[in-house]
Full PDB file with SEQRES, HELIX, SHEET, SSBOND, CRYST1, ORIGX, SCALE, CONECT and MASTER records, all heavy atoms in Angstrom:
SEQRES   1 A   34  LEU ILE TYR GLY VAL ALA ARG LEU LEU GLY VAL ASP ASP          
SEQRES   2 A   34  PHE PRO VAL TYR VAL ALA ALA ALA PHE ALA ILE VAL ILE          
SEQRES   3 A   34  ALA LEU PRO LEU GLY ILE TRP VAL                              
HELIX    1 AA1 ILE A    2  LEU A    8  1                                   7    
HELIX    2 AA2 VAL A   16  TRP A   33  1                                  18    
CRYST1    1.000    1.000    1.000  90.00  90.00  90.00 P 1           1          
ORIGX1      1.000000  0.000000  0.000000        0.00000                         
ORIGX2      0.000000  1.000000  0.000000        0.00000                         
ORIGX3      0.000000  0.000000  1.000000        0.00000                         
SCALE1      1.000000  0.000000  0.000000        0.00000                         
SCALE2      0.000000  1.000000  0.000000        0.00000                         
SCALE3      0.000000  0.000000  1.000000        0.00000                         
ATOM      1  N   LEU A   1     -21.489  -5.537  21.326  1.00  0.00           N  
ATOM      2  CA  LEU A   1     -21.512  -4.353  22.188  1.00  0.00           C  
ATOM      3  C   LEU A   1     -20.381  -4.399  23.216  1.00  0.00           C  
ATOM      4  O   LEU A   1     -19.660  -3.407  23.410  1.00  0.00           O  
ATOM      5  CB  LEU A   1     -22.861  -4.247  22.897  1.00  0.00           C  
ATOM      6  CG  LEU A   1     -23.024  -3.086  23.858  1.00  0.00           C  
ATOM      7  CD1 LEU A   1     -23.103  -1.779  23.086  1.00  0.00           C  
ATOM      8  CD2 LEU A   1     -24.253  -3.281  24.714  1.00  0.00           C  
ATOM      9  N   ILE A   2     -20.209  -5.533  23.856  1.00  0.00           N  
ATOM     10  CA  ILE A   2     -19.142  -5.673  24.860  1.00  0.00           C  
ATOM     11  C   ILE A   2     -17.775  -5.495  24.212  1.00  0.00           C  
ATOM     12  O   ILE A   2     -16.903  -4.788  24.731  1.00  0.00           O  
ATOM     13  CB  ILE A   2     -19.243  -7.033  25.574  1.00  0.00           C  
ATOM     14  CG1 ILE A   2     -20.496  -7.071  26.445  1.00  0.00           C  
ATOM     15  CG2 ILE A   2     -17.998  -7.318  26.405  1.00  0.00           C  
ATOM     16  CD1 ILE A   2     -20.843  -8.436  26.984  1.00  0.00           C  
ATOM     17  N   TYR A   3     -17.580  -6.127  23.062  1.00  0.00           N  
ATOM     18  CA  TYR A   3     -16.301  -6.009  22.361  1.00  0.00           C  
ATOM     19  C   TYR A   3     -16.064  -4.559  21.917  1.00  0.00           C  
ATOM     20  O   TYR A   3     -14.953  -4.028  22.065  1.00  0.00           O  
ATOM     21  CB  TYR A   3     -16.275  -6.949  21.155  1.00  0.00           C  
ATOM     22  CG  TYR A   3     -14.942  -6.969  20.454  1.00  0.00           C  
ATOM     23  CD1 TYR A   3     -13.870  -7.651  21.005  1.00  0.00           C  
ATOM     24  CD2 TYR A   3     -14.755  -6.302  19.244  1.00  0.00           C  
ATOM     25  CE1 TYR A   3     -12.640  -7.664  20.375  1.00  0.00           C  
ATOM     26  CE2 TYR A   3     -13.534  -6.313  18.609  1.00  0.00           C  
ATOM     27  CZ  TYR A   3     -12.474  -6.997  19.171  1.00  0.00           C  
ATOM     28  OH  TYR A   3     -11.260  -7.016  18.551  1.00  0.00           O  
ATOM     29  N   GLY A   4     -17.097  -3.911  21.403  1.00  0.00           N  
ATOM     30  CA  GLY A   4     -16.976  -2.518  20.967  1.00  0.00           C  
ATOM     31  C   GLY A   4     -16.656  -1.574  22.114  1.00  0.00           C  
ATOM     32  O   GLY A   4     -15.820  -0.671  21.980  1.00  0.00           O  
ATOM     33  N   VAL A   5     -17.306  -1.773  23.242  1.00  0.00           N  
ATOM     34  CA  VAL A   5     -17.034  -0.927  24.413  1.00  0.00           C  
ATOM     35  C   VAL A   5     -15.609  -1.140  24.896  1.00  0.00           C  
ATOM     36  O   VAL A   5     -14.910  -0.176  25.257  1.00  0.00           O  
ATOM     37  CB  VAL A   5     -18.064  -1.214  25.529  1.00  0.00           C  
ATOM     38  CG1 VAL A   5     -17.638  -0.587  26.848  1.00  0.00           C  
ATOM     39  CG2 VAL A   5     -19.436  -0.719  25.127  1.00  0.00           C  
ATOM     40  N   ALA A   6     -15.154  -2.375  24.887  1.00  0.00           N  
ATOM     41  CA  ALA A   6     -13.779  -2.644  25.308  1.00  0.00           C  
ATOM     42  C   ALA A   6     -12.792  -1.942  24.377  1.00  0.00           C  
ATOM     43  O   ALA A   6     -11.799  -1.369  24.836  1.00  0.00           O  
ATOM     44  CB  ALA A   6     -13.514  -4.146  25.325  1.00  0.00           C  
ATOM     45  N   ARG A   7     -13.059  -1.968  23.078  1.00  0.00           N  
ATOM     46  CA  ARG A   7     -12.175  -1.283  22.117  1.00  0.00           C  
ATOM     47  C   ARG A   7     -12.216   0.230  22.320  1.00  0.00           C  
ATOM     48  O   ARG A   7     -11.187   0.899  22.222  1.00  0.00           O  
ATOM     49  CB  ARG A   7     -12.579  -1.631  20.688  1.00  0.00           C  
ATOM     50  CG  ARG A   7     -12.446  -3.108  20.327  1.00  0.00           C  
ATOM     51  CD  ARG A   7     -11.040  -3.533  20.208  1.00  0.00           C  
ATOM     52  NE  ARG A   7     -10.469  -2.882  19.032  1.00  0.00           N  
ATOM     53  CZ  ARG A   7      -9.304  -3.166  18.518  1.00  0.00           C  
ATOM     54  NH1 ARG A   7      -8.591  -4.119  19.069  1.00  0.00           N  
ATOM     55  NH2 ARG A   7      -8.842  -2.534  17.474  1.00  0.00           N  
ATOM     56  N   LEU A   8     -13.401   0.764  22.600  1.00  0.00           N  
ATOM     57  CA  LEU A   8     -13.514   2.204  22.847  1.00  0.00           C  
ATOM     58  C   LEU A   8     -12.783   2.633  24.114  1.00  0.00           C  
ATOM     59  O   LEU A   8     -12.288   3.751  24.197  1.00  0.00           O  
ATOM     60  CB  LEU A   8     -14.977   2.617  22.941  1.00  0.00           C  
ATOM     61  CG  LEU A   8     -15.749   2.681  21.627  1.00  0.00           C  
ATOM     62  CD1 LEU A   8     -17.217   2.980  21.895  1.00  0.00           C  
ATOM     63  CD2 LEU A   8     -15.155   3.747  20.705  1.00  0.00           C  
ATOM     64  N   LEU A   9     -12.738   1.741  25.084  1.00  0.00           N  
ATOM     65  CA  LEU A   9     -12.043   2.044  26.330  1.00  0.00           C  
ATOM     66  C   LEU A   9     -10.531   1.869  26.214  1.00  0.00           C  
ATOM     67  O   LEU A   9      -9.808   2.091  27.174  1.00  0.00           O  
ATOM     68  CB  LEU A   9     -12.587   1.176  27.472  1.00  0.00           C  
ATOM     69  CG  LEU A   9     -14.022   1.476  27.901  1.00  0.00           C  
ATOM     70  CD1 LEU A   9     -14.478   0.480  28.955  1.00  0.00           C  
ATOM     71  CD2 LEU A   9     -14.147   2.899  28.421  1.00  0.00           C  
ATOM     72  N   GLY A  10     -10.085   1.452  25.047  1.00  0.00           N  
ATOM     73  CA  GLY A  10      -8.656   1.353  24.814  1.00  0.00           C  
ATOM     74  C   GLY A  10      -8.057  -0.014  25.056  1.00  0.00           C  
ATOM     75  O   GLY A  10      -6.834  -0.157  25.064  1.00  0.00           O  
ATOM     76  N   VAL A  11      -8.880  -1.021  25.255  1.00  0.00           N  
ATOM     77  CA  VAL A  11      -8.376  -2.378  25.448  1.00  0.00           C  
ATOM     78  C   VAL A  11      -8.226  -3.002  24.065  1.00  0.00           C  
ATOM     79  O   VAL A  11      -9.179  -3.486  23.472  1.00  0.00           O  
ATOM     80  CB  VAL A  11      -9.323  -3.215  26.334  1.00  0.00           C  
ATOM     81  CG1 VAL A  11      -8.759  -4.605  26.564  1.00  0.00           C  
ATOM     82  CG2 VAL A  11      -9.592  -2.512  27.641  1.00  0.00           C  
ATOM     83  N   ASP A  12      -6.991  -2.965  23.540  1.00  0.00           N  
ATOM     84  CA  ASP A  12      -6.767  -3.425  22.172  1.00  0.00           C  
ATOM     85  C   ASP A  12      -6.690  -4.941  22.048  1.00  0.00           C  
ATOM     86  O   ASP A  12      -6.988  -5.495  20.997  1.00  0.00           O  
ATOM     87  CB  ASP A  12      -5.470  -2.820  21.616  1.00  0.00           C  
ATOM     88  CG  ASP A  12      -5.588  -1.311  21.438  1.00  0.00           C  
ATOM     89  OD1 ASP A  12      -6.710  -0.849  21.170  1.00  0.00           O  
ATOM     90  OD2 ASP A  12      -4.559  -0.627  21.573  1.00  0.00           O  
ATOM     91  N   ASP A  13      -6.295  -5.617  23.087  1.00  0.00           N  
ATOM     92  CA  ASP A  13      -6.135  -7.062  22.996  1.00  0.00           C  
ATOM     93  C   ASP A  13      -7.253  -7.817  23.724  1.00  0.00           C  
ATOM     94  O   ASP A  13      -7.033  -8.869  24.300  1.00  0.00           O  
ATOM     95  CB  ASP A  13      -4.767  -7.480  23.538  1.00  0.00           C  
ATOM     96  CG  ASP A  13      -4.557  -7.046  24.980  1.00  0.00           C  
ATOM     97  OD1 ASP A  13      -5.347  -6.210  25.469  1.00  0.00           O  
ATOM     98  OD2 ASP A  13      -3.609  -7.535  25.615  1.00  0.00           O  
ATOM     99  N   PHE A  14      -8.461  -7.286  23.676  1.00  0.00           N  
ATOM    100  CA  PHE A  14      -9.615  -7.925  24.314  1.00  0.00           C  
ATOM    101  C   PHE A  14     -10.080  -9.089  23.437  1.00  0.00           C  
ATOM    102  O   PHE A  14     -10.478  -8.892  22.290  1.00  0.00           O  
ATOM    103  CB  PHE A  14     -10.744  -6.911  24.498  1.00  0.00           C  
ATOM    104  CG  PHE A  14     -11.855  -7.388  25.389  1.00  0.00           C  
ATOM    105  CD1 PHE A  14     -11.676  -7.436  26.759  1.00  0.00           C  
ATOM    106  CD2 PHE A  14     -13.066  -7.775  24.859  1.00  0.00           C  
ATOM    107  CE1 PHE A  14     -12.696  -7.866  27.584  1.00  0.00           C  
ATOM    108  CE2 PHE A  14     -14.084  -8.203  25.679  1.00  0.00           C  
ATOM    109  CZ  PHE A  14     -13.909  -8.249  27.051  1.00  0.00           C  
ATOM    110  N   PRO A  15     -10.055 -10.310  23.944  1.00  0.00           N  
ATOM    111  CA  PRO A  15     -10.433 -11.468  23.128  1.00  0.00           C  
ATOM    112  C   PRO A  15     -11.938 -11.499  22.828  1.00  0.00           C  
ATOM    113  O   PRO A  15     -12.766 -11.202  23.687  1.00  0.00           O  
ATOM    114  CB  PRO A  15     -10.049 -12.675  23.982  1.00  0.00           C  
ATOM    115  CG  PRO A  15      -9.219 -12.143  25.085  1.00  0.00           C  
ATOM    116  CD  PRO A  15      -9.538 -10.698  25.237  1.00  0.00           C  
ATOM    117  N   VAL A  16     -12.258 -11.887  21.612  1.00  0.00           N  
ATOM    118  CA  VAL A  16     -13.660 -11.972  21.200  1.00  0.00           C  
ATOM    119  C   VAL A  16     -14.384 -13.051  21.993  1.00  0.00           C  
ATOM    120  O   VAL A  16     -15.553 -12.880  22.353  1.00  0.00           O  
ATOM    121  CB  VAL A  16     -13.751 -12.241  19.681  1.00  0.00           C  
ATOM    122  CG1 VAL A  16     -15.178 -12.474  19.253  1.00  0.00           C  
ATOM    123  CG2 VAL A  16     -13.136 -11.106  18.895  1.00  0.00           C  
ATOM    124  N   TYR A  17     -13.701 -14.149  22.295  1.00  0.00           N  
ATOM    125  CA  TYR A  17     -14.366 -15.226  23.027  1.00  0.00           C  
ATOM    126  C   TYR A  17     -14.732 -14.808  24.449  1.00  0.00           C  
ATOM    127  O   TYR A  17     -15.713 -15.314  25.012  1.00  0.00           O  
ATOM    128  CB  TYR A  17     -13.532 -16.513  23.022  1.00  0.00           C  
ATOM    129  CG  TYR A  17     -12.214 -16.442  23.736  1.00  0.00           C  
ATOM    130  CD1 TYR A  17     -12.125 -16.688  25.096  1.00  0.00           C  
ATOM    131  CD2 TYR A  17     -11.045 -16.127  23.050  1.00  0.00           C  
ATOM    132  CE1 TYR A  17     -10.920 -16.626  25.763  1.00  0.00           C  
ATOM    133  CE2 TYR A  17      -9.836 -16.058  23.702  1.00  0.00           C  
ATOM    134  CZ  TYR A  17      -9.772 -16.309  25.060  1.00  0.00           C  
ATOM    135  OH  TYR A  17      -8.571 -16.238  25.723  1.00  0.00           O  
ATOM    136  N   VAL A  18     -13.984 -13.889  25.034  1.00  0.00           N  
ATOM    137  CA  VAL A  18     -14.350 -13.387  26.362  1.00  0.00           C  
ATOM    138  C   VAL A  18     -15.617 -12.545  26.257  1.00  0.00           C  
ATOM    139  O   VAL A  18     -16.529 -12.661  27.087  1.00  0.00           O  
ATOM    140  CB  VAL A  18     -13.187 -12.571  26.982  1.00  0.00           C  
ATOM    141  CG1 VAL A  18     -13.623 -11.892  28.268  1.00  0.00           C  
ATOM    142  CG2 VAL A  18     -11.994 -13.475  27.229  1.00  0.00           C  
ATOM    143  N   ALA A  19     -15.695 -11.718  25.216  1.00  0.00           N  
ATOM    144  CA  ALA A  19     -16.904 -10.930  24.984  1.00  0.00           C  
ATOM    145  C   ALA A  19     -18.097 -11.855  24.742  1.00  0.00           C  
ATOM    146  O   ALA A  19     -19.195 -11.613  25.256  1.00  0.00           O  
ATOM    147  CB  ALA A  19     -16.708  -9.995  23.801  1.00  0.00           C  
ATOM    148  N   ALA A  20     -17.887 -12.922  23.986  1.00  0.00           N  
ATOM    149  CA  ALA A  20     -18.964 -13.873  23.715  1.00  0.00           C  
ATOM    150  C   ALA A  20     -19.402 -14.582  24.997  1.00  0.00           C  
ATOM    151  O   ALA A  20     -20.605 -14.790  25.215  1.00  0.00           O  
ATOM    152  CB  ALA A  20     -18.515 -14.881  22.671  1.00  0.00           C  
ATOM    153  N   ALA A  21     -18.465 -14.950  25.841  1.00  0.00           N  
ATOM    154  CA  ALA A  21     -18.804 -15.625  27.092  1.00  0.00           C  
ATOM    155  C   ALA A  21     -19.621 -14.717  28.002  1.00  0.00           C  
ATOM    156  O   ALA A  21     -20.641 -15.136  28.570  1.00  0.00           O  
ATOM    157  CB  ALA A  21     -17.539 -16.091  27.805  1.00  0.00           C  
ATOM    158  N   PHE A  22     -19.190 -13.468  28.150  1.00  0.00           N  
ATOM    159  CA  PHE A  22     -19.958 -12.512  28.949  1.00  0.00           C  
ATOM    160  C   PHE A  22     -21.334 -12.282  28.343  1.00  0.00           C  
ATOM    161  O   PHE A  22     -22.336 -12.170  29.060  1.00  0.00           O  
ATOM    162  CB  PHE A  22     -19.217 -11.183  29.084  1.00  0.00           C  
ATOM    163  CG  PHE A  22     -18.139 -11.198  30.117  1.00  0.00           C  
ATOM    164  CD1 PHE A  22     -16.837 -10.871  29.771  1.00  0.00           C  
ATOM    165  CD2 PHE A  22     -18.396 -11.526  31.431  1.00  0.00           C  
ATOM    166  CE1 PHE A  22     -15.826 -10.877  30.715  1.00  0.00           C  
ATOM    167  CE2 PHE A  22     -17.407 -11.541  32.387  1.00  0.00           C  
ATOM    168  CZ  PHE A  22     -16.105 -11.213  32.024  1.00  0.00           C  
ATOM    169  N   ALA A  23     -21.404 -12.200  27.025  1.00  0.00           N  
ATOM    170  CA  ALA A  23     -22.675 -11.968  26.347  1.00  0.00           C  
ATOM    171  C   ALA A  23     -23.651 -13.116  26.588  1.00  0.00           C  
ATOM    172  O   ALA A  23     -24.843 -12.886  26.810  1.00  0.00           O  
ATOM    173  CB  ALA A  23     -22.447 -11.775  24.856  1.00  0.00           C  
ATOM    174  N   ILE A  24     -23.153 -14.337  26.563  1.00  0.00           N  
ATOM    175  CA  ILE A  24     -24.032 -15.483  26.810  1.00  0.00           C  
ATOM    176  C   ILE A  24     -24.560 -15.453  28.228  1.00  0.00           C  
ATOM    177  O   ILE A  24     -25.752 -15.681  28.470  1.00  0.00           O  
ATOM    178  CB  ILE A  24     -23.285 -16.797  26.515  1.00  0.00           C  
ATOM    179  CG1 ILE A  24     -23.077 -16.936  25.005  1.00  0.00           C  
ATOM    180  CG2 ILE A  24     -24.043 -17.999  27.060  1.00  0.00           C  
ATOM    181  CD1 ILE A  24     -22.153 -18.062  24.613  1.00  0.00           C  
ATOM    182  N   VAL A  25     -23.689 -15.149  29.175  1.00  0.00           N  
ATOM    183  CA  VAL A  25     -24.118 -15.094  30.583  1.00  0.00           C  
ATOM    184  C   VAL A  25     -25.168 -14.000  30.783  1.00  0.00           C  
ATOM    185  O   VAL A  25     -26.142 -14.188  31.515  1.00  0.00           O  
ATOM    186  CB  VAL A  25     -22.905 -14.877  31.508  1.00  0.00           C  
ATOM    187  CG1 VAL A  25     -23.333 -14.557  32.925  1.00  0.00           C  
ATOM    188  CG2 VAL A  25     -21.996 -16.095  31.474  1.00  0.00           C  
ATOM    189  N   ILE A  26     -25.010 -12.882  30.124  1.00  0.00           N  
ATOM    190  CA  ILE A  26     -25.968 -11.784  30.253  1.00  0.00           C  
ATOM    191  C   ILE A  26     -27.242 -12.082  29.464  1.00  0.00           C  
ATOM    192  O   ILE A  26     -28.347 -11.761  29.897  1.00  0.00           O  
ATOM    193  CB  ILE A  26     -25.323 -10.462  29.783  1.00  0.00           C  
ATOM    194  CG1 ILE A  26     -24.181 -10.076  30.722  1.00  0.00           C  
ATOM    195  CG2 ILE A  26     -26.355  -9.349  29.709  1.00  0.00           C  
ATOM    196  CD1 ILE A  26     -23.315  -8.941  30.205  1.00  0.00           C  
ATOM    197  N   ALA A  27     -27.100 -12.702  28.288  1.00  0.00           N  
ATOM    198  CA  ALA A  27     -28.247 -12.932  27.409  1.00  0.00           C  
ATOM    199  C   ALA A  27     -29.193 -14.005  27.946  1.00  0.00           C  
ATOM    200  O   ALA A  27     -30.383 -13.979  27.611  1.00  0.00           O  
ATOM    201  CB  ALA A  27     -27.772 -13.317  26.016  1.00  0.00           C  
ATOM    202  N   LEU A  28     -28.703 -14.935  28.739  1.00  0.00           N  
ATOM    203  CA  LEU A  28     -29.577 -15.997  29.239  1.00  0.00           C  
ATOM    204  C   LEU A  28     -30.768 -15.436  30.022  1.00  0.00           C  
ATOM    205  O   LEU A  28     -31.918 -15.674  29.648  1.00  0.00           O  
ATOM    206  CB  LEU A  28     -28.781 -17.008  30.059  1.00  0.00           C  
ATOM    207  CG  LEU A  28     -27.912 -17.961  29.237  1.00  0.00           C  
ATOM    208  CD1 LEU A  28     -27.028 -18.797  30.152  1.00  0.00           C  
ATOM    209  CD2 LEU A  28     -28.764 -18.852  28.382  1.00  0.00           C  
ATOM    210  N   PRO A  29     -30.561 -14.706  31.102  1.00  0.00           N  
ATOM    211  CA  PRO A  29     -31.735 -14.182  31.819  1.00  0.00           C  
ATOM    212  C   PRO A  29     -32.420 -13.031  31.065  1.00  0.00           C  
ATOM    213  O   PRO A  29     -33.637 -12.890  31.131  1.00  0.00           O  
ATOM    214  CB  PRO A  29     -31.170 -13.703  33.153  1.00  0.00           C  
ATOM    215  CG  PRO A  29     -29.736 -13.448  32.898  1.00  0.00           C  
ATOM    216  CD  PRO A  29     -29.322 -14.410  31.817  1.00  0.00           C  
ATOM    217  N   LEU A  30     -31.639 -12.225  30.356  1.00  0.00           N  
ATOM    218  CA  LEU A  30     -32.224 -11.089  29.638  1.00  0.00           C  
ATOM    219  C   LEU A  30     -33.155 -11.561  28.526  1.00  0.00           C  
ATOM    220  O   LEU A  30     -34.230 -10.984  28.323  1.00  0.00           O  
ATOM    221  CB  LEU A  30     -31.109 -10.207  29.068  1.00  0.00           C  
ATOM    222  CG  LEU A  30     -31.537  -8.902  28.420  1.00  0.00           C  
ATOM    223  CD1 LEU A  30     -32.210  -8.000  29.444  1.00  0.00           C  
ATOM    224  CD2 LEU A  30     -30.325  -8.206  27.821  1.00  0.00           C  
ATOM    225  N   GLY A  31     -32.784 -12.616  27.828  1.00  0.00           N  
ATOM    226  CA  GLY A  31     -33.618 -13.135  26.751  1.00  0.00           C  
ATOM    227  C   GLY A  31     -34.930 -13.700  27.251  1.00  0.00           C  
ATOM    228  O   GLY A  31     -35.963 -13.591  26.585  1.00  0.00           O  
ATOM    229  N   ILE A  32     -34.914 -14.306  28.413  1.00  0.00           N  
ATOM    230  CA  ILE A  32     -36.155 -14.827  28.991  1.00  0.00           C  
ATOM    231  C   ILE A  32     -37.116 -13.678  29.278  1.00  0.00           C  
ATOM    232  O   ILE A  32     -38.317 -13.777  29.033  1.00  0.00           O  
ATOM    233  CB  ILE A  32     -35.852 -15.636  30.269  1.00  0.00           C  
ATOM    234  CG1 ILE A  32     -35.138 -16.931  29.907  1.00  0.00           C  
ATOM    235  CG2 ILE A  32     -37.131 -15.950  31.044  1.00  0.00           C  
ATOM    236  CD1 ILE A  32     -34.615 -17.699  31.097  1.00  0.00           C  
ATOM    237  N   TRP A  33     -36.589 -12.594  29.767  1.00  0.00           N  
ATOM    238  CA  TRP A  33     -37.421 -11.444  30.113  1.00  0.00           C  
ATOM    239  C   TRP A  33     -37.852 -10.675  28.869  1.00  0.00           C  
ATOM    240  O   TRP A  33     -39.024 -10.338  28.719  1.00  0.00           O  
ATOM    241  CB  TRP A  33     -36.636 -10.549  31.078  1.00  0.00           C  
ATOM    242  CG  TRP A  33     -37.367  -9.333  31.494  1.00  0.00           C  
ATOM    243  CD1 TRP A  33     -38.506  -9.269  32.250  1.00  0.00           C  
ATOM    244  CD2 TRP A  33     -37.019  -7.990  31.175  1.00  0.00           C  
ATOM    245  NE1 TRP A  33     -38.875  -7.960  32.412  1.00  0.00           N  
ATOM    246  CE2 TRP A  33     -37.976  -7.160  31.772  1.00  0.00           C  
ATOM    247  CE3 TRP A  33     -35.986  -7.417  30.447  1.00  0.00           C  
ATOM    248  CZ2 TRP A  33     -37.929  -5.781  31.651  1.00  0.00           C  
ATOM    249  CZ3 TRP A  33     -35.941  -6.042  30.336  1.00  0.00           C  
ATOM    250  CH2 TRP A  33     -36.897  -5.239  30.930  1.00  0.00           C  
ATOM    251  N   VAL A  34     -36.920 -10.399  27.980  1.00  0.00           N  
ATOM    252  CA  VAL A  34     -37.208  -9.569  26.805  1.00  0.00           C  
ATOM    253  C   VAL A  34     -38.120 -10.297  25.817  1.00  0.00           C  
ATOM    254  O   VAL A  34     -39.021  -9.694  25.246  1.00  0.00           O  
ATOM    255  CB  VAL A  34     -35.891  -9.152  26.108  1.00  0.00           C  
ATOM    256  CG1 VAL A  34     -36.151  -8.511  24.766  1.00  0.00           C  
ATOM    257  CG2 VAL A  34     -35.100  -8.210  27.007  1.00  0.00           C  
TER     258      VAL A  34                                                      
MASTER        0    0    0    2    0    0    0    6  257    1    0    3          
END                                                                             
């Protein structure tokens, strides 16, 4: 989702590992709750 949104916003050189890092940081507390 993060990578897709970045591509939609026109960021063509958005690294996948940055999207993965943000996703892990967001998924940690969200997964506990969900």
